[in-house]
Amino acid sequence: MTIQEIKAEILRLKKEKDFCILVHAYQGQEILEIADYVGDSYGLSVEASKDSHKNIIMCGVRFMAETCKVLSPEKKVYLANPVAGCPMADQIDLEKLAELKKQYPGYAVVAYVNTTSELKTGCDVCVTSASAVEICKKLDADKILFVPDQNLGSYVAQNIPEKEFAFFNGCCPRHFAMTAQDVEKAKALHPNAVFLVHPECRPEVVAQADYVGSTTGIMKYARNSDAKEFIIGTENSIVEHLQFECPDKQFYPLSVALTCMNMKVTTLMDVYNVLRGVGGEEIELSDDIIKGAKKCIDRMIELG
């Protein structure tokens, strides 16, 4: 089968079998083109909860599919490729969180949405990269334990100096791999380019940015900007998508190393096989985990 033939079959089958396809923006362009919704992890889960289809395919990583199930427990949610995980989400579990709570008694626990649903049951509130600063400002707590991403947590802390923060020593390995030297090299190659960065990057990388924001925020900024050249400091799929969306502009990766192989493992054939009933993995969560994780997410909605 050709790519176009597979796409045509996917579009036919998803309509026939009542499926909604969610695609995270870090997926390849060929997968975006068969999506019902494209976006950041939490935004996709919200769209799925509003959608009328009974079945959902998540083209992303496991914690994203779990969040979909938490917000849509009555629907069947499938992870397109079962091995697609998130190294950051896997860095901390409830046992490690319990140890941290003992070290920092009285701290409100703020969890980045890039965590397992089980971990969320032990936290007070979730945040996205776009909402983290706003929610931590509004949170009725002067001391905050931020997990798992120390880089996003550091960025939040810099914007809220009146509060005290403690961090788990976690990170996104791909964003964390970026250095100040990578920025210097990219700016030397593209001296007229605007530098757009995700706050999961190291503080010394974020400090050099012209704009700091979520994946969706970065893409929106690039679309609306009058500038013609951009260095993109987040997963390299965003460079590809922006090249398609804005052919009159130039987009450059901060580094070739900013490529998430967990995202890249999902293929069109994975989606096709889920629709055929011979692939993927149905996400199943206990009622207790769904209830506990949703409480954490609902608190985010209340504050954000």
Protein backbone atom coordinates (compact mmCIF):
# COMPACT_ATOMS: atom_id res chain seq x y z
CA MET A 1 0.00 0.00 0.00
CA THR A 2 1.11 3.55 -0.66
CA ILE A 3 0.87 6.33 1.93
CA GLN A 4 -2.12 7.81 0.12
CA GLU A 5 -3.87 4.41 0.00
CA ILE A 6 -3.33 3.90 3.73
CA LYS A 7 -4.65 7.38 4.49
CA ALA A 8 -7.76 6.73 2.40
CA GLU A 9 -8.40 3.47 4.26
CA ILE A 10 -7.91 5.14 7.63
CA LEU A 11 -10.37 7.88 6.77
CA ARG A 12 -12.90 5.31 5.59
CA LEU A 13 -12.50 3.00 8.58
CA LYS A 14 -12.60 5.69 11.27
CA LYS A 15 -15.96 6.87 9.92
CA GLU A 16 -17.29 3.32 9.58
CA LYS A 17 -16.20 2.28 13.09
CA ASP A 18 -16.95 5.53 14.94
CA PHE A 19 -13.37 6.57 15.81
CA CYS A 20 -11.86 9.94 16.62
CA ILE A 21 -8.12 10.29 15.93
CA LEU A 22 -6.06 12.54 18.21
CA VAL A 23 -2.59 13.52 17.08
CA HIS A 24 0.01 15.25 19.21
CA ALA A 25 1.94 17.97 17.41
CA TYR A 26 5.20 16.03 17.79
CA GLN A 27 3.96 13.39 15.35
CA GLY A 28 5.01 13.40 11.70
CA GLN A 29 3.17 15.41 9.07
CA GLU A 30 1.73 12.29 7.43
CA ILE A 31 -0.08 11.43 10.70
CA LEU A 32 -1.32 14.98 11.25
CA GLU A 33 -3.09 14.78 7.92
CA ILE A 34 -5.45 11.99 9.09
CA ALA A 35 -6.25 13.64 12.46
CA ASP A 36 -9.56 14.88 13.78
CA TYR A 37 -7.69 17.03 16.30
CA VAL A 38 -4.05 18.14 16.54
CA GLY A 39 -2.51 19.86 19.54
CA ASP A 40 -0.87 19.62 22.95
CA SER A 41 -1.56 16.64 25.20
CA TYR A 42 -4.16 18.16 27.53
CA GLY A 43 -5.93 20.07 24.76
CA LEU A 44 -6.39 16.85 22.83
CA SER A 45 -7.99 15.16 25.84
CA VAL A 46 -10.43 18.03 26.22
CA GLU A 47 -11.40 17.85 22.54
CA ALA A 48 -11.94 14.10 22.86
CA SER A 49 -14.24 14.59 25.85
CA LYS A 50 -16.40 16.94 23.77
CA ASP A 51 -16.38 14.74 20.67
CA SER A 52 -19.34 12.46 19.97
CA HIS A 53 -17.36 9.41 18.77
CA LYS A 54 -17.33 6.37 21.04
CA ASN A 55 -13.76 5.33 20.26
CA ILE A 56 -10.51 7.32 20.46
CA ILE A 57 -7.06 6.66 19.02
CA MET A 58 -4.22 8.62 20.62
CA CYS A 59 -1.21 9.16 18.38
CA GLY A 60 1.15 10.27 21.09
CA VAL A 61 2.52 8.65 24.24
CA ARG A 62 1.00 6.65 27.07
CA PHE A 63 0.30 9.40 29.63
CA MET A 64 -1.66 11.30 26.96
CA ALA A 65 -3.88 8.29 26.28
CA GLU A 66 -4.37 7.91 30.03
CA THR A 67 -5.49 11.53 30.34
CA CYS A 68 -8.01 10.92 27.57
CA LYS A 69 -9.39 7.96 29.50
CA VAL A 70 -9.62 10.00 32.70
CA LEU A 71 -11.65 12.72 30.95
CA SER A 72 -13.69 10.24 28.86
CA PRO A 73 -14.07 7.09 31.01
CA GLU A 74 -17.14 5.97 29.08
CA LYS A 75 -15.20 5.78 25.80
CA LYS A 76 -12.73 3.22 24.52
CA VAL A 77 -9.29 4.82 24.27
CA TYR A 78 -6.46 3.22 22.30
CA LEU A 79 -2.78 4.09 22.25
CA ALA A 80 -1.74 3.67 18.61
CA ASN A 81 1.65 2.18 19.49
CA PRO A 82 1.87 0.49 22.91
CA VAL A 83 5.62 1.10 23.33
CA ALA A 84 5.28 4.88 22.95
CA GLY A 85 6.10 6.15 26.44
CA CYS A 86 7.39 9.35 28.01
CA PRO A 87 10.77 9.18 29.79
CA MET A 88 9.82 12.18 31.94
CA ALA A 89 6.56 10.61 33.10
CA ASP A 90 8.41 7.41 33.96
CA GLN A 91 10.94 9.21 36.19
CA ILE A 92 8.64 9.53 39.20
CA ASP A 93 6.05 7.26 40.82
CA LEU A 94 3.92 7.42 43.96
CA GLU A 95 6.68 5.92 46.11
CA LYS A 96 9.18 8.60 45.10
CA LEU A 97 6.50 11.26 45.53
CA ALA A 98 5.81 10.05 49.08
CA GLU A 99 9.51 10.45 49.90
CA LEU A 100 9.48 13.99 48.54
CA LYS A 101 6.40 14.89 50.58
CA LYS A 102 8.27 13.81 53.72
CA GLN A 103 11.19 16.07 52.76
CA TYR A 104 8.89 19.01 52.07
CA PRO A 105 5.99 18.88 54.55
CA GLY A 106 3.35 21.51 54.04
CA TYR A 107 4.18 22.06 50.36
CA ALA A 108 1.39 21.97 47.78
CA VAL A 109 2.23 19.36 45.12
CA VAL A 110 1.96 20.62 41.55
CA ALA A 111 2.26 18.01 38.79
CA TYR A 112 3.10 18.74 35.19
CA VAL A 113 0.45 17.06 33.04
CA ASN A 114 3.30 14.97 31.58
CA THR A 115 2.91 12.39 34.37
CA THR A 116 1.08 9.10 34.78
CA SER A 117 -2.53 9.10 35.93
CA GLU A 118 -1.49 7.13 39.01
CA LEU A 119 1.02 9.84 39.98
CA LYS A 120 -1.66 12.51 39.60
CA THR A 121 -3.72 10.83 42.32
CA GLY A 122 -1.08 11.93 44.84
CA CYS A 123 -0.90 15.56 43.69
CA ASP A 124 -2.94 18.67 44.46
CA VAL A 125 -3.17 20.16 40.98
CA CYS A 126 -1.99 19.62 37.41
CA VAL A 127 -0.50 22.23 35.10
CA THR A 128 0.35 22.47 31.43
CA SER A 129 3.37 24.36 30.16
CA ALA A 130 1.02 27.13 29.05
CA SER A 131 -0.87 27.38 32.36
CA ALA A 132 1.84 26.58 34.93
CA VAL A 133 2.72 30.17 35.88
CA GLU A 134 -0.90 31.31 36.13
CA ILE A 135 -2.03 28.34 38.20
CA CYS A 136 0.92 28.44 40.60
CA LYS A 137 0.25 32.16 41.15
CA LYS A 138 -3.40 31.49 41.96
CA LEU A 139 -2.71 28.45 44.12
CA ASP A 140 -3.43 29.14 47.80
CA ALA A 141 0.02 28.02 48.93
CA ASP A 142 3.28 29.86 49.54
CA LYS A 143 5.37 26.69 49.20
CA ILE A 144 5.17 24.51 46.10
CA LEU A 145 6.71 21.14 45.31
CA PHE A 146 6.87 20.98 41.51
CA VAL A 147 7.17 17.59 39.78
CA PRO A 148 8.64 16.14 37.66
CA ASP A 149 10.27 18.70 35.34
CA GLN A 150 12.85 20.83 37.12
CA ASN A 151 13.28 23.05 34.05
CA LEU A 152 9.61 23.99 33.74
CA GLY A 153 9.53 24.34 37.53
CA SER A 154 12.53 26.69 37.44
CA TYR A 155 10.85 28.80 34.77
CA VAL A 156 7.70 29.04 36.89
CA ALA A 157 9.69 29.93 40.01
CA GLN A 158 11.46 32.76 38.20
CA ASN A 159 8.09 34.24 37.33
CA ILE A 160 6.77 33.92 40.92
CA PRO A 161 9.64 35.06 43.17
CA GLU A 162 7.28 35.64 46.08
CA LYS A 163 6.75 31.89 46.50
CA GLU A 164 9.12 29.15 47.64
CA PHE A 165 9.68 26.20 45.31
CA ALA A 166 11.17 22.74 45.65
CA PHE A 167 11.77 20.43 42.69
CA PHE A 168 12.11 16.81 41.73
CA ASN A 169 15.27 16.19 39.74
CA GLY A 170 13.40 15.22 36.58
CA CYS A 171 13.34 16.49 33.01
CA CYS A 172 12.53 15.77 29.39
CA PRO A 173 15.77 14.16 28.15
CA ARG A 174 15.42 15.68 24.70
CA HIS A 175 14.86 19.28 25.85
CA PHE A 176 17.40 18.88 28.65
CA ALA A 177 20.06 17.87 26.11
CA MET A 178 20.04 21.38 24.65
CA THR A 179 22.87 23.66 25.82
CA ALA A 180 23.86 27.30 25.60
CA GLN A 181 26.44 26.21 23.02
CA ASP A 182 23.65 24.80 20.83
CA VAL A 183 21.97 28.21 20.93
CA GLU A 184 25.19 30.02 20.04
CA LYS A 185 25.76 27.68 17.11
CA ALA A 186 22.21 28.04 15.78
CA LYS A 187 22.25 31.84 16.11
CA ALA A 188 25.61 32.00 14.33
CA LEU A 189 24.15 30.02 11.43
CA HIS A 190 20.92 32.05 11.38
CA PRO A 191 21.68 35.52 12.78
CA ASN A 192 18.37 37.03 11.63
CA ALA A 193 16.17 34.30 13.09
CA VAL A 194 13.81 34.73 16.05
CA PHE A 195 14.47 32.14 18.76
CA LEU A 196 11.37 30.35 20.12
CA VAL A 197 11.80 28.00 23.10
CA HIS A 198 9.81 25.52 25.17
CA PRO A 199 10.25 25.98 28.97
CA GLU A 200 11.28 22.31 29.29
CA CYS A 201 14.71 23.47 28.07
CA ARG A 202 17.52 24.32 30.48
CA PRO A 203 17.36 27.80 32.10
CA GLU A 204 20.49 28.95 30.23
CA VAL A 205 18.74 28.08 26.93
CA VAL A 206 15.43 29.68 27.92
CA ALA A 207 17.26 32.85 28.97
CA GLN A 208 18.34 33.46 25.38
CA ALA A 209 14.86 33.10 23.87
CA ASP A 210 12.84 35.79 22.13
CA TYR A 211 9.70 33.88 23.09
CA VAL A 212 9.06 31.12 25.65
CA GLY A 213 5.92 29.03 25.45
CA SER A 214 4.12 25.74 24.95
CA THR A 215 4.19 23.87 21.66
CA THR A 216 0.88 25.44 20.67
CA GLY A 217 2.15 28.85 21.78
CA ILE A 218 5.33 28.51 19.73
CA MET A 219 3.38 27.58 16.60
CA LYS A 220 0.91 30.42 17.08
CA TYR A 221 3.72 32.93 17.62
CA ALA A 222 5.49 31.82 14.44
CA ARG A 223 2.30 31.97 12.37
CA ASN A 224 1.41 35.47 13.54
CA SER A 225 4.87 37.02 13.60
CA ASP A 226 6.08 39.39 10.87
CA ALA A 227 9.52 37.79 11.14
CA LYS A 228 10.62 35.52 8.31
CA GLU A 229 13.13 33.25 10.06
CA PHE A 230 12.82 31.21 13.26
CA ILE A 231 14.97 28.86 15.31
CA ILE A 232 12.65 26.35 16.99
CA GLY A 233 13.69 25.20 20.47
CA THR A 234 11.35 22.25 20.84
CA GLU A 235 10.76 18.87 19.20
CA ASN A 236 11.81 18.93 15.57
CA SER A 237 8.41 17.88 14.19
CA ILE A 238 7.32 21.46 14.87
CA VAL A 239 9.90 22.68 12.37
CA GLU A 240 8.34 20.39 9.76
CA HIS A 241 4.75 21.42 10.50
CA LEU A 242 5.55 25.12 10.40
CA GLN A 243 7.33 24.69 7.07
CA PHE A 244 4.11 23.26 5.64
CA GLU A 245 1.90 25.91 7.25
CA CYS A 246 4.09 28.91 6.49
CA PRO A 247 5.96 28.24 3.22
CA ASP A 248 6.90 31.92 2.97
CA LYS A 249 8.97 31.64 6.19
CA GLN A 250 12.11 29.71 7.14
CA PHE A 251 12.30 27.42 10.18
CA TYR A 252 15.46 25.89 11.63
CA PRO A 253 15.91 23.24 14.35
CA LEU A 254 17.88 24.27 17.42
CA SER A 255 19.59 20.88 17.19
CA VAL A 256 19.13 17.57 15.41
CA ALA A 257 19.13 15.99 18.90
CA LEU A 258 15.73 17.56 19.65
CA THR A 259 13.94 14.56 18.15
CA CYS A 260 11.69 12.42 20.37
CA MET A 261 11.90 8.79 19.29
CA ASN A 262 8.94 7.90 21.51
CA MET A 263 6.81 10.16 19.35
CA LYS A 264 8.39 8.97 16.11
CA VAL A 265 7.65 5.28 16.83
CA THR A 266 3.98 5.75 15.86
CA THR A 267 3.24 5.16 12.17
CA LEU A 268 0.26 5.33 9.84
CA MET A 269 0.21 1.52 9.84
CA ASP A 270 -0.20 1.59 13.64
CA VAL A 271 -3.34 3.71 13.26
CA TYR A 272 -4.59 1.51 10.42
CA ASN A 273 -4.08 -1.63 12.50
CA VAL A 274 -6.02 -0.21 15.47
CA LEU A 275 -8.93 0.48 13.14
CA ARG A 276 -8.67 -3.08 11.79
CA GLY A 277 -8.74 -4.44 15.34
CA VAL A 278 -5.28 -6.01 15.16
CA GLY A 279 -3.06 -3.39 16.80
CA GLY A 280 -2.66 -0.74 19.45
CA GLU A 281 -3.58 -1.09 23.13
CA GLU A 282 -6.83 -0.23 24.85
CA ILE A 283 -6.12 1.93 27.91
CA GLU A 284 -7.74 0.65 31.08
CA LEU A 285 -7.58 2.47 34.42
CA SER A 286 -9.18 1.61 37.75
CA ASP A 287 -12.06 3.71 39.03
CA ASP A 288 -9.86 4.94 41.90
CA ILE A 289 -7.14 6.18 39.55
CA ILE A 290 -9.66 7.86 37.26
CA LYS A 291 -11.32 9.57 40.23
CA GLY A 292 -8.05 10.66 41.83
CA ALA A 293 -6.45 11.88 38.61
CA LYS A 294 -9.59 13.75 37.57
CA LYS A 295 -9.65 15.58 40.90
CA CYS A 296 -6.13 16.84 40.17
CA ILE A 297 -7.12 17.88 36.63
CA ASP A 298 -10.39 19.49 37.77
CA ARG A 299 -8.39 21.65 40.17
CA MET A 300 -6.31 22.84 37.22
CA ILE A 301 -9.46 23.79 35.31
CA GLU A 302 -10.80 25.62 38.37
CA LEU A 303 -7.63 27.69 38.72
CA GLY A 304 -6.70 28.10 35.07
